[in-house]
């Protein structure tokens, strides 16, 4: 399915359907997140001729908020720490952001995780249940995939 938007003056712009998915892994646990409306609007804006928005993941934030992740989120419910992405790779429409929290890092009880740009734009958020103490290493890996829609609505 494609979407057509009108900008007055009889002009119609057709934007392709885009399928996006945010999945992650912390240790042995998999989780599914939501792509925020802000991130989707930035992608859609590319097809609408709007000024580009930097959507490069720069930080992974953790928090102890328990509200369910929603596409309307613009921040974590209660962010407790933010870390620069340790490794960022991108190929074939799949972006992988990795954060390594070493043994020496603080104790954390993590109930929510989010990926943010350098300008603190929340790209995606997920609810998790992870406890990290100073005796273990935690790797947080987010996989953000985007592909052309199937056209089936």
N, C-alpha and C. Protein backbone atom coordinates (compact mmCIF):
# COMPACT_ATOMS: atom_id res chain seq x y z
N UNK A 1 0.84 -1.17 0.00
CA UNK A 1 0.00 0.00 0.00
C UNK A 1 0.88 1.23 0.00
N UNK A 2 0.47 2.25 -0.71
CA UNK A 2 1.18 3.50 -0.72
C UNK A 2 0.26 4.57 -0.18
N UNK A 3 0.84 5.62 0.36
CA UNK A 3 0.07 6.72 0.92
C UNK A 3 0.24 7.94 0.06
N UNK A 4 -0.85 8.64 -0.21
CA UNK A 4 -0.78 9.88 -0.97
C UNK A 4 -1.21 11.02 -0.07
N UNK A 5 -0.35 12.04 0.03
CA UNK A 5 -0.65 13.21 0.83
C UNK A 5 -0.78 14.41 -0.09
N UNK A 6 -1.71 15.29 0.22
CA UNK A 6 -1.91 16.49 -0.58
C UNK A 6 -1.35 17.68 0.17
N UNK A 7 -0.70 18.57 -0.54
CA UNK A 7 -0.12 19.76 0.06
C UNK A 7 -0.81 21.02 -0.46
N UNK A 8 -2.11 20.97 -0.67
CA UNK A 8 -2.81 22.13 -1.22
C UNK A 8 -2.62 22.15 -2.72
N UNK A 9 -2.68 23.14 -3.41
CA UNK A 9 -2.32 23.36 -4.83
C UNK A 9 -2.51 22.14 -5.72
N UNK A 10 -3.29 21.15 -5.31
CA UNK A 10 -3.55 19.99 -6.15
C UNK A 10 -2.39 19.03 -6.26
N UNK A 11 -1.31 19.27 -5.54
CA UNK A 11 -0.13 18.42 -5.62
C UNK A 11 -0.31 17.21 -4.71
N UNK A 12 -0.07 16.03 -5.22
CA UNK A 12 -0.13 14.83 -4.40
C UNK A 12 1.21 14.13 -4.43
N UNK A 13 1.71 13.73 -3.29
CA UNK A 13 2.98 13.03 -3.21
C UNK A 13 2.69 11.63 -2.71
N UNK A 14 3.15 10.63 -3.41
CA UNK A 14 2.94 9.24 -3.02
C UNK A 14 4.19 8.75 -2.32
N UNK A 15 4.02 8.23 -1.11
CA UNK A 15 5.15 7.69 -0.36
C UNK A 15 5.01 6.18 -0.29
N UNK A 16 6.12 5.46 -0.45
CA UNK A 16 6.06 4.01 -0.40
C UNK A 16 5.80 3.50 1.01
N UNK A 17 5.16 2.38 1.12
CA UNK A 17 4.94 1.75 2.40
C UNK A 17 6.28 1.25 2.92
N UNK A 18 6.57 1.50 4.17
CA UNK A 18 7.85 1.11 4.76
C UNK A 18 7.56 0.22 5.95
N UNK A 19 8.18 -0.95 5.99
CA UNK A 19 8.07 -1.85 7.12
C UNK A 19 9.29 -1.66 8.00
N UNK A 20 9.08 -1.43 9.29
CA UNK A 20 10.20 -1.26 10.21
C UNK A 20 10.02 -2.19 11.39
N UNK A 21 11.13 -2.55 11.99
CA UNK A 21 11.10 -3.47 13.11
C UNK A 21 12.26 -3.13 14.03
N UNK A 22 12.02 -3.15 15.32
CA UNK A 22 13.07 -2.95 16.31
C UNK A 22 13.11 -4.18 17.20
N UNK A 23 14.20 -4.90 17.14
CA UNK A 23 14.37 -6.06 18.00
C UNK A 23 15.69 -5.91 18.74
N UNK A 24 15.83 -6.61 19.81
CA UNK A 24 17.05 -6.49 20.57
C UNK A 24 17.39 -7.74 21.33
N UNK A 25 18.56 -7.70 21.92
CA UNK A 25 19.04 -8.82 22.71
C UNK A 25 19.88 -8.24 23.84
N UNK A 26 19.60 -8.70 25.05
CA UNK A 26 20.43 -8.37 26.20
C UNK A 26 20.81 -9.71 26.82
N UNK A 27 22.10 -10.02 26.78
CA UNK A 27 22.54 -11.33 27.25
C UNK A 27 21.84 -12.41 26.45
N UNK A 28 21.10 -13.27 27.13
CA UNK A 28 20.38 -14.36 26.46
C UNK A 28 18.91 -14.03 26.21
N UNK A 29 18.49 -12.81 26.53
CA UNK A 29 17.09 -12.42 26.41
C UNK A 29 16.84 -11.62 25.12
N UNK A 30 15.84 -12.04 24.36
CA UNK A 30 15.41 -11.27 23.19
C UNK A 30 14.24 -10.38 23.59
N UNK A 31 14.11 -9.23 22.94
CA UNK A 31 12.99 -8.35 23.20
C UNK A 31 12.58 -7.65 21.92
N UNK A 32 11.32 -7.24 21.87
CA UNK A 32 10.80 -6.48 20.74
C UNK A 32 10.48 -5.08 21.22
N UNK A 33 10.85 -4.12 20.43
CA UNK A 33 10.57 -2.73 20.77
C UNK A 33 9.66 -2.10 19.74
N UNK A 34 9.35 -0.84 19.98
CA UNK A 34 8.54 -0.09 19.03
C UNK A 34 9.39 1.02 18.43
N UNK A 35 9.18 1.25 17.14
CA UNK A 35 9.79 2.40 16.47
C UNK A 35 8.89 3.59 16.78
N UNK A 36 9.46 4.69 17.22
CA UNK A 36 8.65 5.84 17.60
C UNK A 36 8.09 6.57 16.39
N UNK A 37 7.00 7.28 16.62
CA UNK A 37 6.41 8.11 15.56
C UNK A 37 7.43 9.14 15.06
N UNK A 38 8.24 9.67 15.96
CA UNK A 38 9.26 10.66 15.58
C UNK A 38 10.20 10.07 14.54
N UNK A 39 10.66 8.84 14.75
CA UNK A 39 11.55 8.19 13.80
C UNK A 39 10.85 7.94 12.47
N UNK A 40 9.60 7.46 12.53
CA UNK A 40 8.86 7.19 11.29
C UNK A 40 8.56 8.48 10.53
N UNK A 41 8.26 9.55 11.24
CA UNK A 41 8.00 10.82 10.58
C UNK A 41 9.26 11.34 9.88
N UNK A 42 10.42 11.09 10.47
CA UNK A 42 11.67 11.49 9.83
C UNK A 42 11.88 10.74 8.52
N UNK A 43 11.58 9.43 8.53
CA UNK A 43 11.72 8.63 7.32
C UNK A 43 10.70 9.07 6.27
N UNK A 44 9.47 9.24 6.68
CA UNK A 44 8.44 9.67 5.75
C UNK A 44 8.77 11.04 5.17
N UNK A 45 9.36 11.90 6.00
CA UNK A 45 9.73 13.24 5.55
C UNK A 45 10.72 13.23 4.40
N UNK A 46 11.54 12.19 4.30
CA UNK A 46 12.47 12.08 3.18
C UNK A 46 11.73 12.01 1.85
N UNK A 47 10.58 11.35 1.86
CA UNK A 47 9.78 11.20 0.65
C UNK A 47 8.89 12.41 0.39
N UNK A 48 8.74 13.24 1.41
CA UNK A 48 7.86 14.40 1.30
C UNK A 48 8.63 15.69 1.04
N UNK A 49 9.95 15.59 0.91
CA UNK A 49 10.76 16.76 0.64
C UNK A 49 11.00 17.62 1.87
N UNK A 50 10.78 17.08 3.06
CA UNK A 50 11.03 17.84 4.28
C UNK A 50 12.52 17.82 4.60
N UNK A 51 13.00 18.78 5.38
CA UNK A 51 14.42 18.78 5.75
C UNK A 51 14.78 17.47 6.45
N UNK A 52 15.93 16.91 6.13
CA UNK A 52 16.31 15.63 6.75
C UNK A 52 16.56 15.78 8.24
N UNK A 53 16.25 14.70 8.97
CA UNK A 53 16.48 14.62 10.40
C UNK A 53 17.53 13.54 10.62
N UNK A 54 18.53 13.83 11.44
CA UNK A 54 19.58 12.86 11.73
C UNK A 54 19.01 11.72 12.57
N UNK A 55 18.95 10.52 12.02
CA UNK A 55 18.41 9.36 12.73
C UNK A 55 19.49 8.35 13.10
N UNK A 56 20.74 8.78 13.09
CA UNK A 56 21.84 7.87 13.41
C UNK A 56 21.83 7.57 14.91
N UNK A 57 21.74 6.29 15.30
CA UNK A 57 21.79 5.95 16.71
C UNK A 57 23.13 6.36 17.32
N UNK A 58 23.08 7.06 18.44
CA UNK A 58 24.30 7.51 19.10
C UNK A 58 24.38 7.03 20.55
N UNK A 59 23.22 6.83 21.17
CA UNK A 59 23.18 6.44 22.58
C UNK A 59 22.17 5.32 22.79
N UNK A 60 22.45 4.51 23.79
CA UNK A 60 21.48 3.55 24.30
C UNK A 60 21.24 3.95 25.75
N UNK A 61 19.99 4.21 26.07
CA UNK A 61 19.61 4.63 27.42
C UNK A 61 18.87 3.49 28.10
N UNK A 62 19.02 3.44 29.42
CA UNK A 62 18.30 2.46 30.22
C UNK A 62 17.54 3.20 31.31
N UNK A 63 16.47 2.58 31.78
CA UNK A 63 15.68 3.21 32.81
C UNK A 63 14.90 2.20 33.61
N UNK A 64 14.15 2.72 34.59
CA UNK A 64 13.35 1.83 35.42
C UNK A 64 11.86 2.08 35.29
N UNK A 65 11.45 2.79 34.23
CA UNK A 65 10.03 3.02 33.97
C UNK A 65 9.34 1.74 33.53
N UNK A 66 8.07 1.61 33.90
CA UNK A 66 7.35 0.37 33.60
C UNK A 66 6.18 0.56 32.64
N UNK A 67 5.93 1.80 32.19
CA UNK A 67 4.85 2.02 31.22
C UNK A 67 5.19 1.26 29.93
N UNK A 68 4.18 0.68 29.31
CA UNK A 68 4.40 -0.07 28.08
C UNK A 68 4.97 0.84 26.99
N UNK A 69 5.93 0.33 26.24
CA UNK A 69 6.52 1.08 25.13
C UNK A 69 5.43 1.37 24.10
N UNK A 70 5.43 2.61 23.60
CA UNK A 70 4.42 3.03 22.63
C UNK A 70 5.06 3.85 21.53
N UNK A 71 4.45 3.84 20.36
CA UNK A 71 5.01 4.60 19.24
C UNK A 71 5.03 6.10 19.52
N UNK A 72 4.21 6.56 20.44
CA UNK A 72 4.15 7.99 20.77
C UNK A 72 5.22 8.43 21.78
N UNK A 73 6.03 7.49 22.27
CA UNK A 73 7.08 7.84 23.23
C UNK A 73 8.08 8.80 22.60
N UNK A 74 8.49 9.80 23.38
CA UNK A 74 9.54 10.72 22.94
C UNK A 74 10.75 10.65 23.88
N UNK A 75 10.62 9.86 24.93
CA UNK A 75 11.70 9.66 25.89
C UNK A 75 11.39 8.40 26.68
N UNK A 76 12.39 7.89 27.39
CA UNK A 76 12.10 6.81 28.32
C UNK A 76 11.23 7.38 29.44
N UNK A 77 10.46 6.51 30.07
CA UNK A 77 9.60 6.98 31.15
C UNK A 77 10.44 7.54 32.30
N UNK A 78 11.50 6.79 32.69
CA UNK A 78 12.39 7.26 33.76
C UNK A 78 13.81 6.79 33.47
N UNK A 79 14.52 7.58 32.68
CA UNK A 79 15.89 7.24 32.29
C UNK A 79 16.81 7.32 33.51
N UNK A 80 17.64 6.28 33.70
CA UNK A 80 18.59 6.27 34.82
C UNK A 80 20.03 6.36 34.36
N UNK A 81 20.31 5.99 33.11
CA UNK A 81 21.68 6.08 32.58
C UNK A 81 21.62 6.11 31.06
N UNK A 82 22.62 6.77 30.47
CA UNK A 82 22.74 6.84 29.02
C UNK A 82 24.20 6.61 28.66
N UNK A 83 24.40 5.77 27.64
CA UNK A 83 25.75 5.39 27.24
C UNK A 83 25.93 5.58 25.73
N UNK A 84 27.13 6.01 25.31
CA UNK A 84 27.38 6.07 23.87
C UNK A 84 27.37 4.66 23.28
N UNK A 85 26.86 4.53 22.08
CA UNK A 85 26.87 3.24 21.39
C UNK A 85 28.32 2.79 21.25
N UNK A 86 28.59 1.53 21.59
CA UNK A 86 29.93 0.98 21.51
C UNK A 86 30.32 0.67 20.07
N UNK A 87 29.37 0.13 19.31
CA UNK A 87 29.61 -0.25 17.91
C UNK A 87 28.34 -0.04 17.12
N UNK A 88 28.48 0.51 15.91
CA UNK A 88 27.33 0.75 15.04
C UNK A 88 27.67 0.22 13.65
N UNK A 89 26.81 -0.67 13.14
CA UNK A 89 27.00 -1.18 11.78
C UNK A 89 25.71 -1.01 11.01
N UNK A 90 25.84 -0.91 9.68
CA UNK A 90 24.65 -0.74 8.83
C UNK A 90 24.91 -1.42 7.50
N UNK A 91 23.97 -2.28 7.11
CA UNK A 91 24.07 -2.96 5.82
C UNK A 91 22.69 -3.44 5.41
N UNK A 92 22.36 -3.24 4.14
CA UNK A 92 21.10 -3.74 3.57
C UNK A 92 19.87 -3.33 4.37
N UNK A 93 19.84 -2.08 4.83
CA UNK A 93 18.67 -1.60 5.55
C UNK A 93 18.58 -2.05 6.99
N UNK A 94 19.62 -2.71 7.49
CA UNK A 94 19.63 -3.17 8.88
C UNK A 94 20.73 -2.43 9.63
N UNK A 95 20.34 -1.73 10.67
CA UNK A 95 21.29 -1.01 11.51
C UNK A 95 21.37 -1.74 12.84
N UNK A 96 22.59 -2.04 13.27
CA UNK A 96 22.80 -2.70 14.55
C UNK A 96 23.58 -1.77 15.46
N UNK A 97 23.01 -1.46 16.62
CA UNK A 97 23.66 -0.64 17.62
C UNK A 97 23.99 -1.53 18.81
N UNK A 98 25.25 -1.53 19.22
CA UNK A 98 25.70 -2.40 20.30
C UNK A 98 26.25 -1.55 21.44
N UNK A 99 25.90 -1.92 22.66
CA UNK A 99 26.44 -1.29 23.85
C UNK A 99 27.00 -2.38 24.74
N UNK A 100 28.23 -2.22 25.17
CA UNK A 100 28.88 -3.16 26.07
C UNK A 100 29.03 -2.49 27.43
N UNK A 101 28.39 -3.04 28.45
CA UNK A 101 28.55 -2.55 29.82
C UNK A 101 29.49 -3.51 30.54
N UNK A 102 30.73 -3.11 30.78
CA UNK A 102 31.72 -4.02 31.37
C UNK A 102 31.48 -4.29 32.85
N UNK A 103 32.28 -5.18 33.39
CA UNK A 103 32.17 -5.58 34.79
C UNK A 103 32.28 -4.37 35.70
N UNK A 104 33.12 -3.43 35.37
CA UNK A 104 33.37 -2.28 36.25
C UNK A 104 32.23 -1.28 36.29
N UNK A 105 31.25 -1.40 35.39
CA UNK A 105 30.15 -0.42 35.39
C UNK A 105 29.20 -0.69 36.55
N UNK A 106 28.37 0.28 36.84
CA UNK A 106 27.50 0.26 38.00
C UNK A 106 26.45 -0.84 37.98
N UNK A 107 25.86 -1.09 39.17
CA UNK A 107 24.72 -2.00 39.28
C UNK A 107 23.51 -1.32 38.64
N UNK A 108 22.72 -2.08 37.90
CA UNK A 108 21.55 -1.53 37.23
C UNK A 108 20.38 -2.51 37.30
N UNK A 109 19.19 -2.00 37.55
CA UNK A 109 17.97 -2.75 37.35
C UNK A 109 17.29 -2.08 36.18
N UNK A 110 17.23 -2.78 35.06
CA UNK A 110 16.77 -2.19 33.80
C UNK A 110 15.37 -2.70 33.48
N UNK A 111 14.42 -1.76 33.33
CA UNK A 111 13.05 -2.11 32.97
C UNK A 111 12.68 -1.56 31.60
N UNK A 112 13.49 -0.64 31.07
CA UNK A 112 13.23 -0.07 29.76
C UNK A 112 14.57 0.29 29.11
N UNK A 113 14.60 0.16 27.79
CA UNK A 113 15.80 0.46 27.01
C UNK A 113 15.36 1.26 25.79
N UNK A 114 16.17 2.24 25.41
CA UNK A 114 15.85 3.04 24.23
C UNK A 114 17.09 3.39 23.44
N UNK A 115 16.91 3.65 22.17
CA UNK A 115 17.99 4.11 21.29
C UNK A 115 17.71 5.56 20.95
N UNK A 116 18.73 6.41 21.10
CA UNK A 116 18.58 7.84 20.86
C UNK A 116 19.63 8.35 19.90
N UNK A 117 19.31 9.44 19.22
CA UNK A 117 20.27 10.12 18.35
C UNK A 117 21.15 11.03 19.20
N UNK A 118 22.15 11.64 18.55
CA UNK A 118 23.02 12.58 19.28
C UNK A 118 22.24 13.78 19.80
N UNK A 119 21.09 14.08 19.18
CA UNK A 119 20.24 15.19 19.61
C UNK A 119 19.14 14.74 20.56
N UNK A 120 19.27 13.54 21.12
CA UNK A 120 18.33 12.97 22.09
C UNK A 120 16.95 12.66 21.53
N UNK A 121 16.87 12.41 20.22
CA UNK A 121 15.61 11.98 19.62
C UNK A 121 15.49 10.47 19.86
N UNK A 122 14.39 10.06 20.51
CA UNK A 122 14.17 8.64 20.78
C UNK A 122 13.71 7.94 19.51
N UNK A 123 14.50 6.96 19.06
CA UNK A 123 14.17 6.21 17.85
C UNK A 123 13.29 5.01 18.16
N UNK A 124 13.57 4.32 19.24
CA UNK A 124 12.78 3.15 19.62
C UNK A 124 12.94 2.89 21.11
N UNK A 125 11.99 2.15 21.65
CA UNK A 125 11.96 1.86 23.08
C UNK A 125 11.38 0.47 23.30
N UNK A 126 11.86 -0.21 24.34
CA UNK A 126 11.34 -1.54 24.69
C UNK A 126 11.33 -1.71 26.19
N UNK A 127 10.45 -2.58 26.64
CA UNK A 127 10.39 -2.96 28.06
C UNK A 127 11.17 -4.26 28.24
N UNK A 128 11.98 -4.32 29.28
CA UNK A 128 12.81 -5.50 29.56
C UNK A 128 12.83 -5.74 31.07
N UNK A 129 13.39 -6.85 31.47
CA UNK A 129 13.61 -7.15 32.89
C UNK A 129 15.02 -7.69 33.02
N UNK A 130 15.96 -6.80 33.33
CA UNK A 130 17.37 -7.18 33.41
C UNK A 130 17.98 -6.60 34.69
N UNK A 131 18.76 -7.41 35.38
CA UNK A 131 19.52 -6.93 36.52
C UNK A 131 20.99 -7.12 36.19
N UNK A 132 21.76 -6.03 36.31
CA UNK A 132 23.20 -6.09 36.06
C UNK A 132 23.91 -5.66 37.33
N UNK A 133 24.81 -6.49 37.79
CA UNK A 133 25.61 -6.09 38.93
C UNK A 133 27.07 -5.92 38.49
N UNK A 134 27.90 -5.49 39.42
CA UNK A 134 29.29 -5.20 39.07
C UNK A 134 30.10 -6.44 38.76
N UNK A 135 29.52 -7.61 38.92
CA UNK A 135 30.23 -8.85 38.65
C UNK A 135 29.94 -9.45 37.29
N UNK A 136 29.13 -8.76 36.47
CA UNK A 136 28.84 -9.33 35.15
C UNK A 136 28.91 -8.27 34.06
N UNK A 137 29.05 -8.77 32.85
CA UNK A 137 29.09 -7.94 31.66
C UNK A 137 27.73 -8.04 30.99
N UNK A 138 27.21 -6.93 30.52
CA UNK A 138 25.95 -6.94 29.78
C UNK A 138 26.20 -6.32 28.42
N UNK A 139 25.78 -7.00 27.37
CA UNK A 139 25.79 -6.45 26.02
C UNK A 139 24.35 -6.19 25.62
N UNK A 140 24.08 -4.96 25.21
CA UNK A 140 22.75 -4.61 24.72
C UNK A 140 22.88 -4.40 23.22
N UNK A 141 22.16 -5.19 22.44
CA UNK A 141 22.23 -5.08 20.99
C UNK A 141 20.84 -4.79 20.44
N UNK A 142 20.71 -3.68 19.74
CA UNK A 142 19.47 -3.31 19.06
C UNK A 142 19.65 -3.54 17.58
N UNK A 143 18.68 -4.15 16.94
CA UNK A 143 18.68 -4.33 15.49
C UNK A 143 17.47 -3.58 14.95
N UNK A 144 17.74 -2.56 14.18
CA UNK A 144 16.69 -1.74 13.57
C UNK A 144 16.68 -2.06 12.09
N UNK A 145 15.58 -2.60 11.60
CA UNK A 145 15.53 -2.94 10.19
C UNK A 145 14.43 -2.15 9.48
N UNK A 146 14.71 -1.79 8.27
CA UNK A 146 13.77 -1.05 7.47
C UNK A 146 13.80 -1.65 6.08
N UNK A 147 12.64 -1.92 5.53
CA UNK A 147 12.59 -2.44 4.18
C UNK A 147 11.36 -1.93 3.48
N UNK A 148 11.39 -1.99 2.17
CA UNK A 148 10.25 -1.55 1.38
C UNK A 148 9.05 -2.42 1.72
N UNK A 149 7.92 -1.79 1.88
CA UNK A 149 6.69 -2.50 2.22
C UNK A 149 6.28 -3.49 1.16
N UNK A 150 5.49 -4.47 1.58
CA UNK A 150 5.06 -5.51 0.66
C UNK A 150 3.90 -5.05 -0.22
N UNK A 151 3.26 -3.96 0.17
CA UNK A 151 2.12 -3.48 -0.61
C UNK A 151 0.83 -4.14 -0.18
N UNK A 152 0.90 -5.04 0.79
CA UNK A 152 -0.28 -5.70 1.32
C UNK A 152 -0.73 -4.99 2.57
N UNK A 153 -1.94 -4.49 2.57
CA UNK A 153 -2.41 -3.79 3.76
C UNK A 153 -3.58 -4.53 4.37
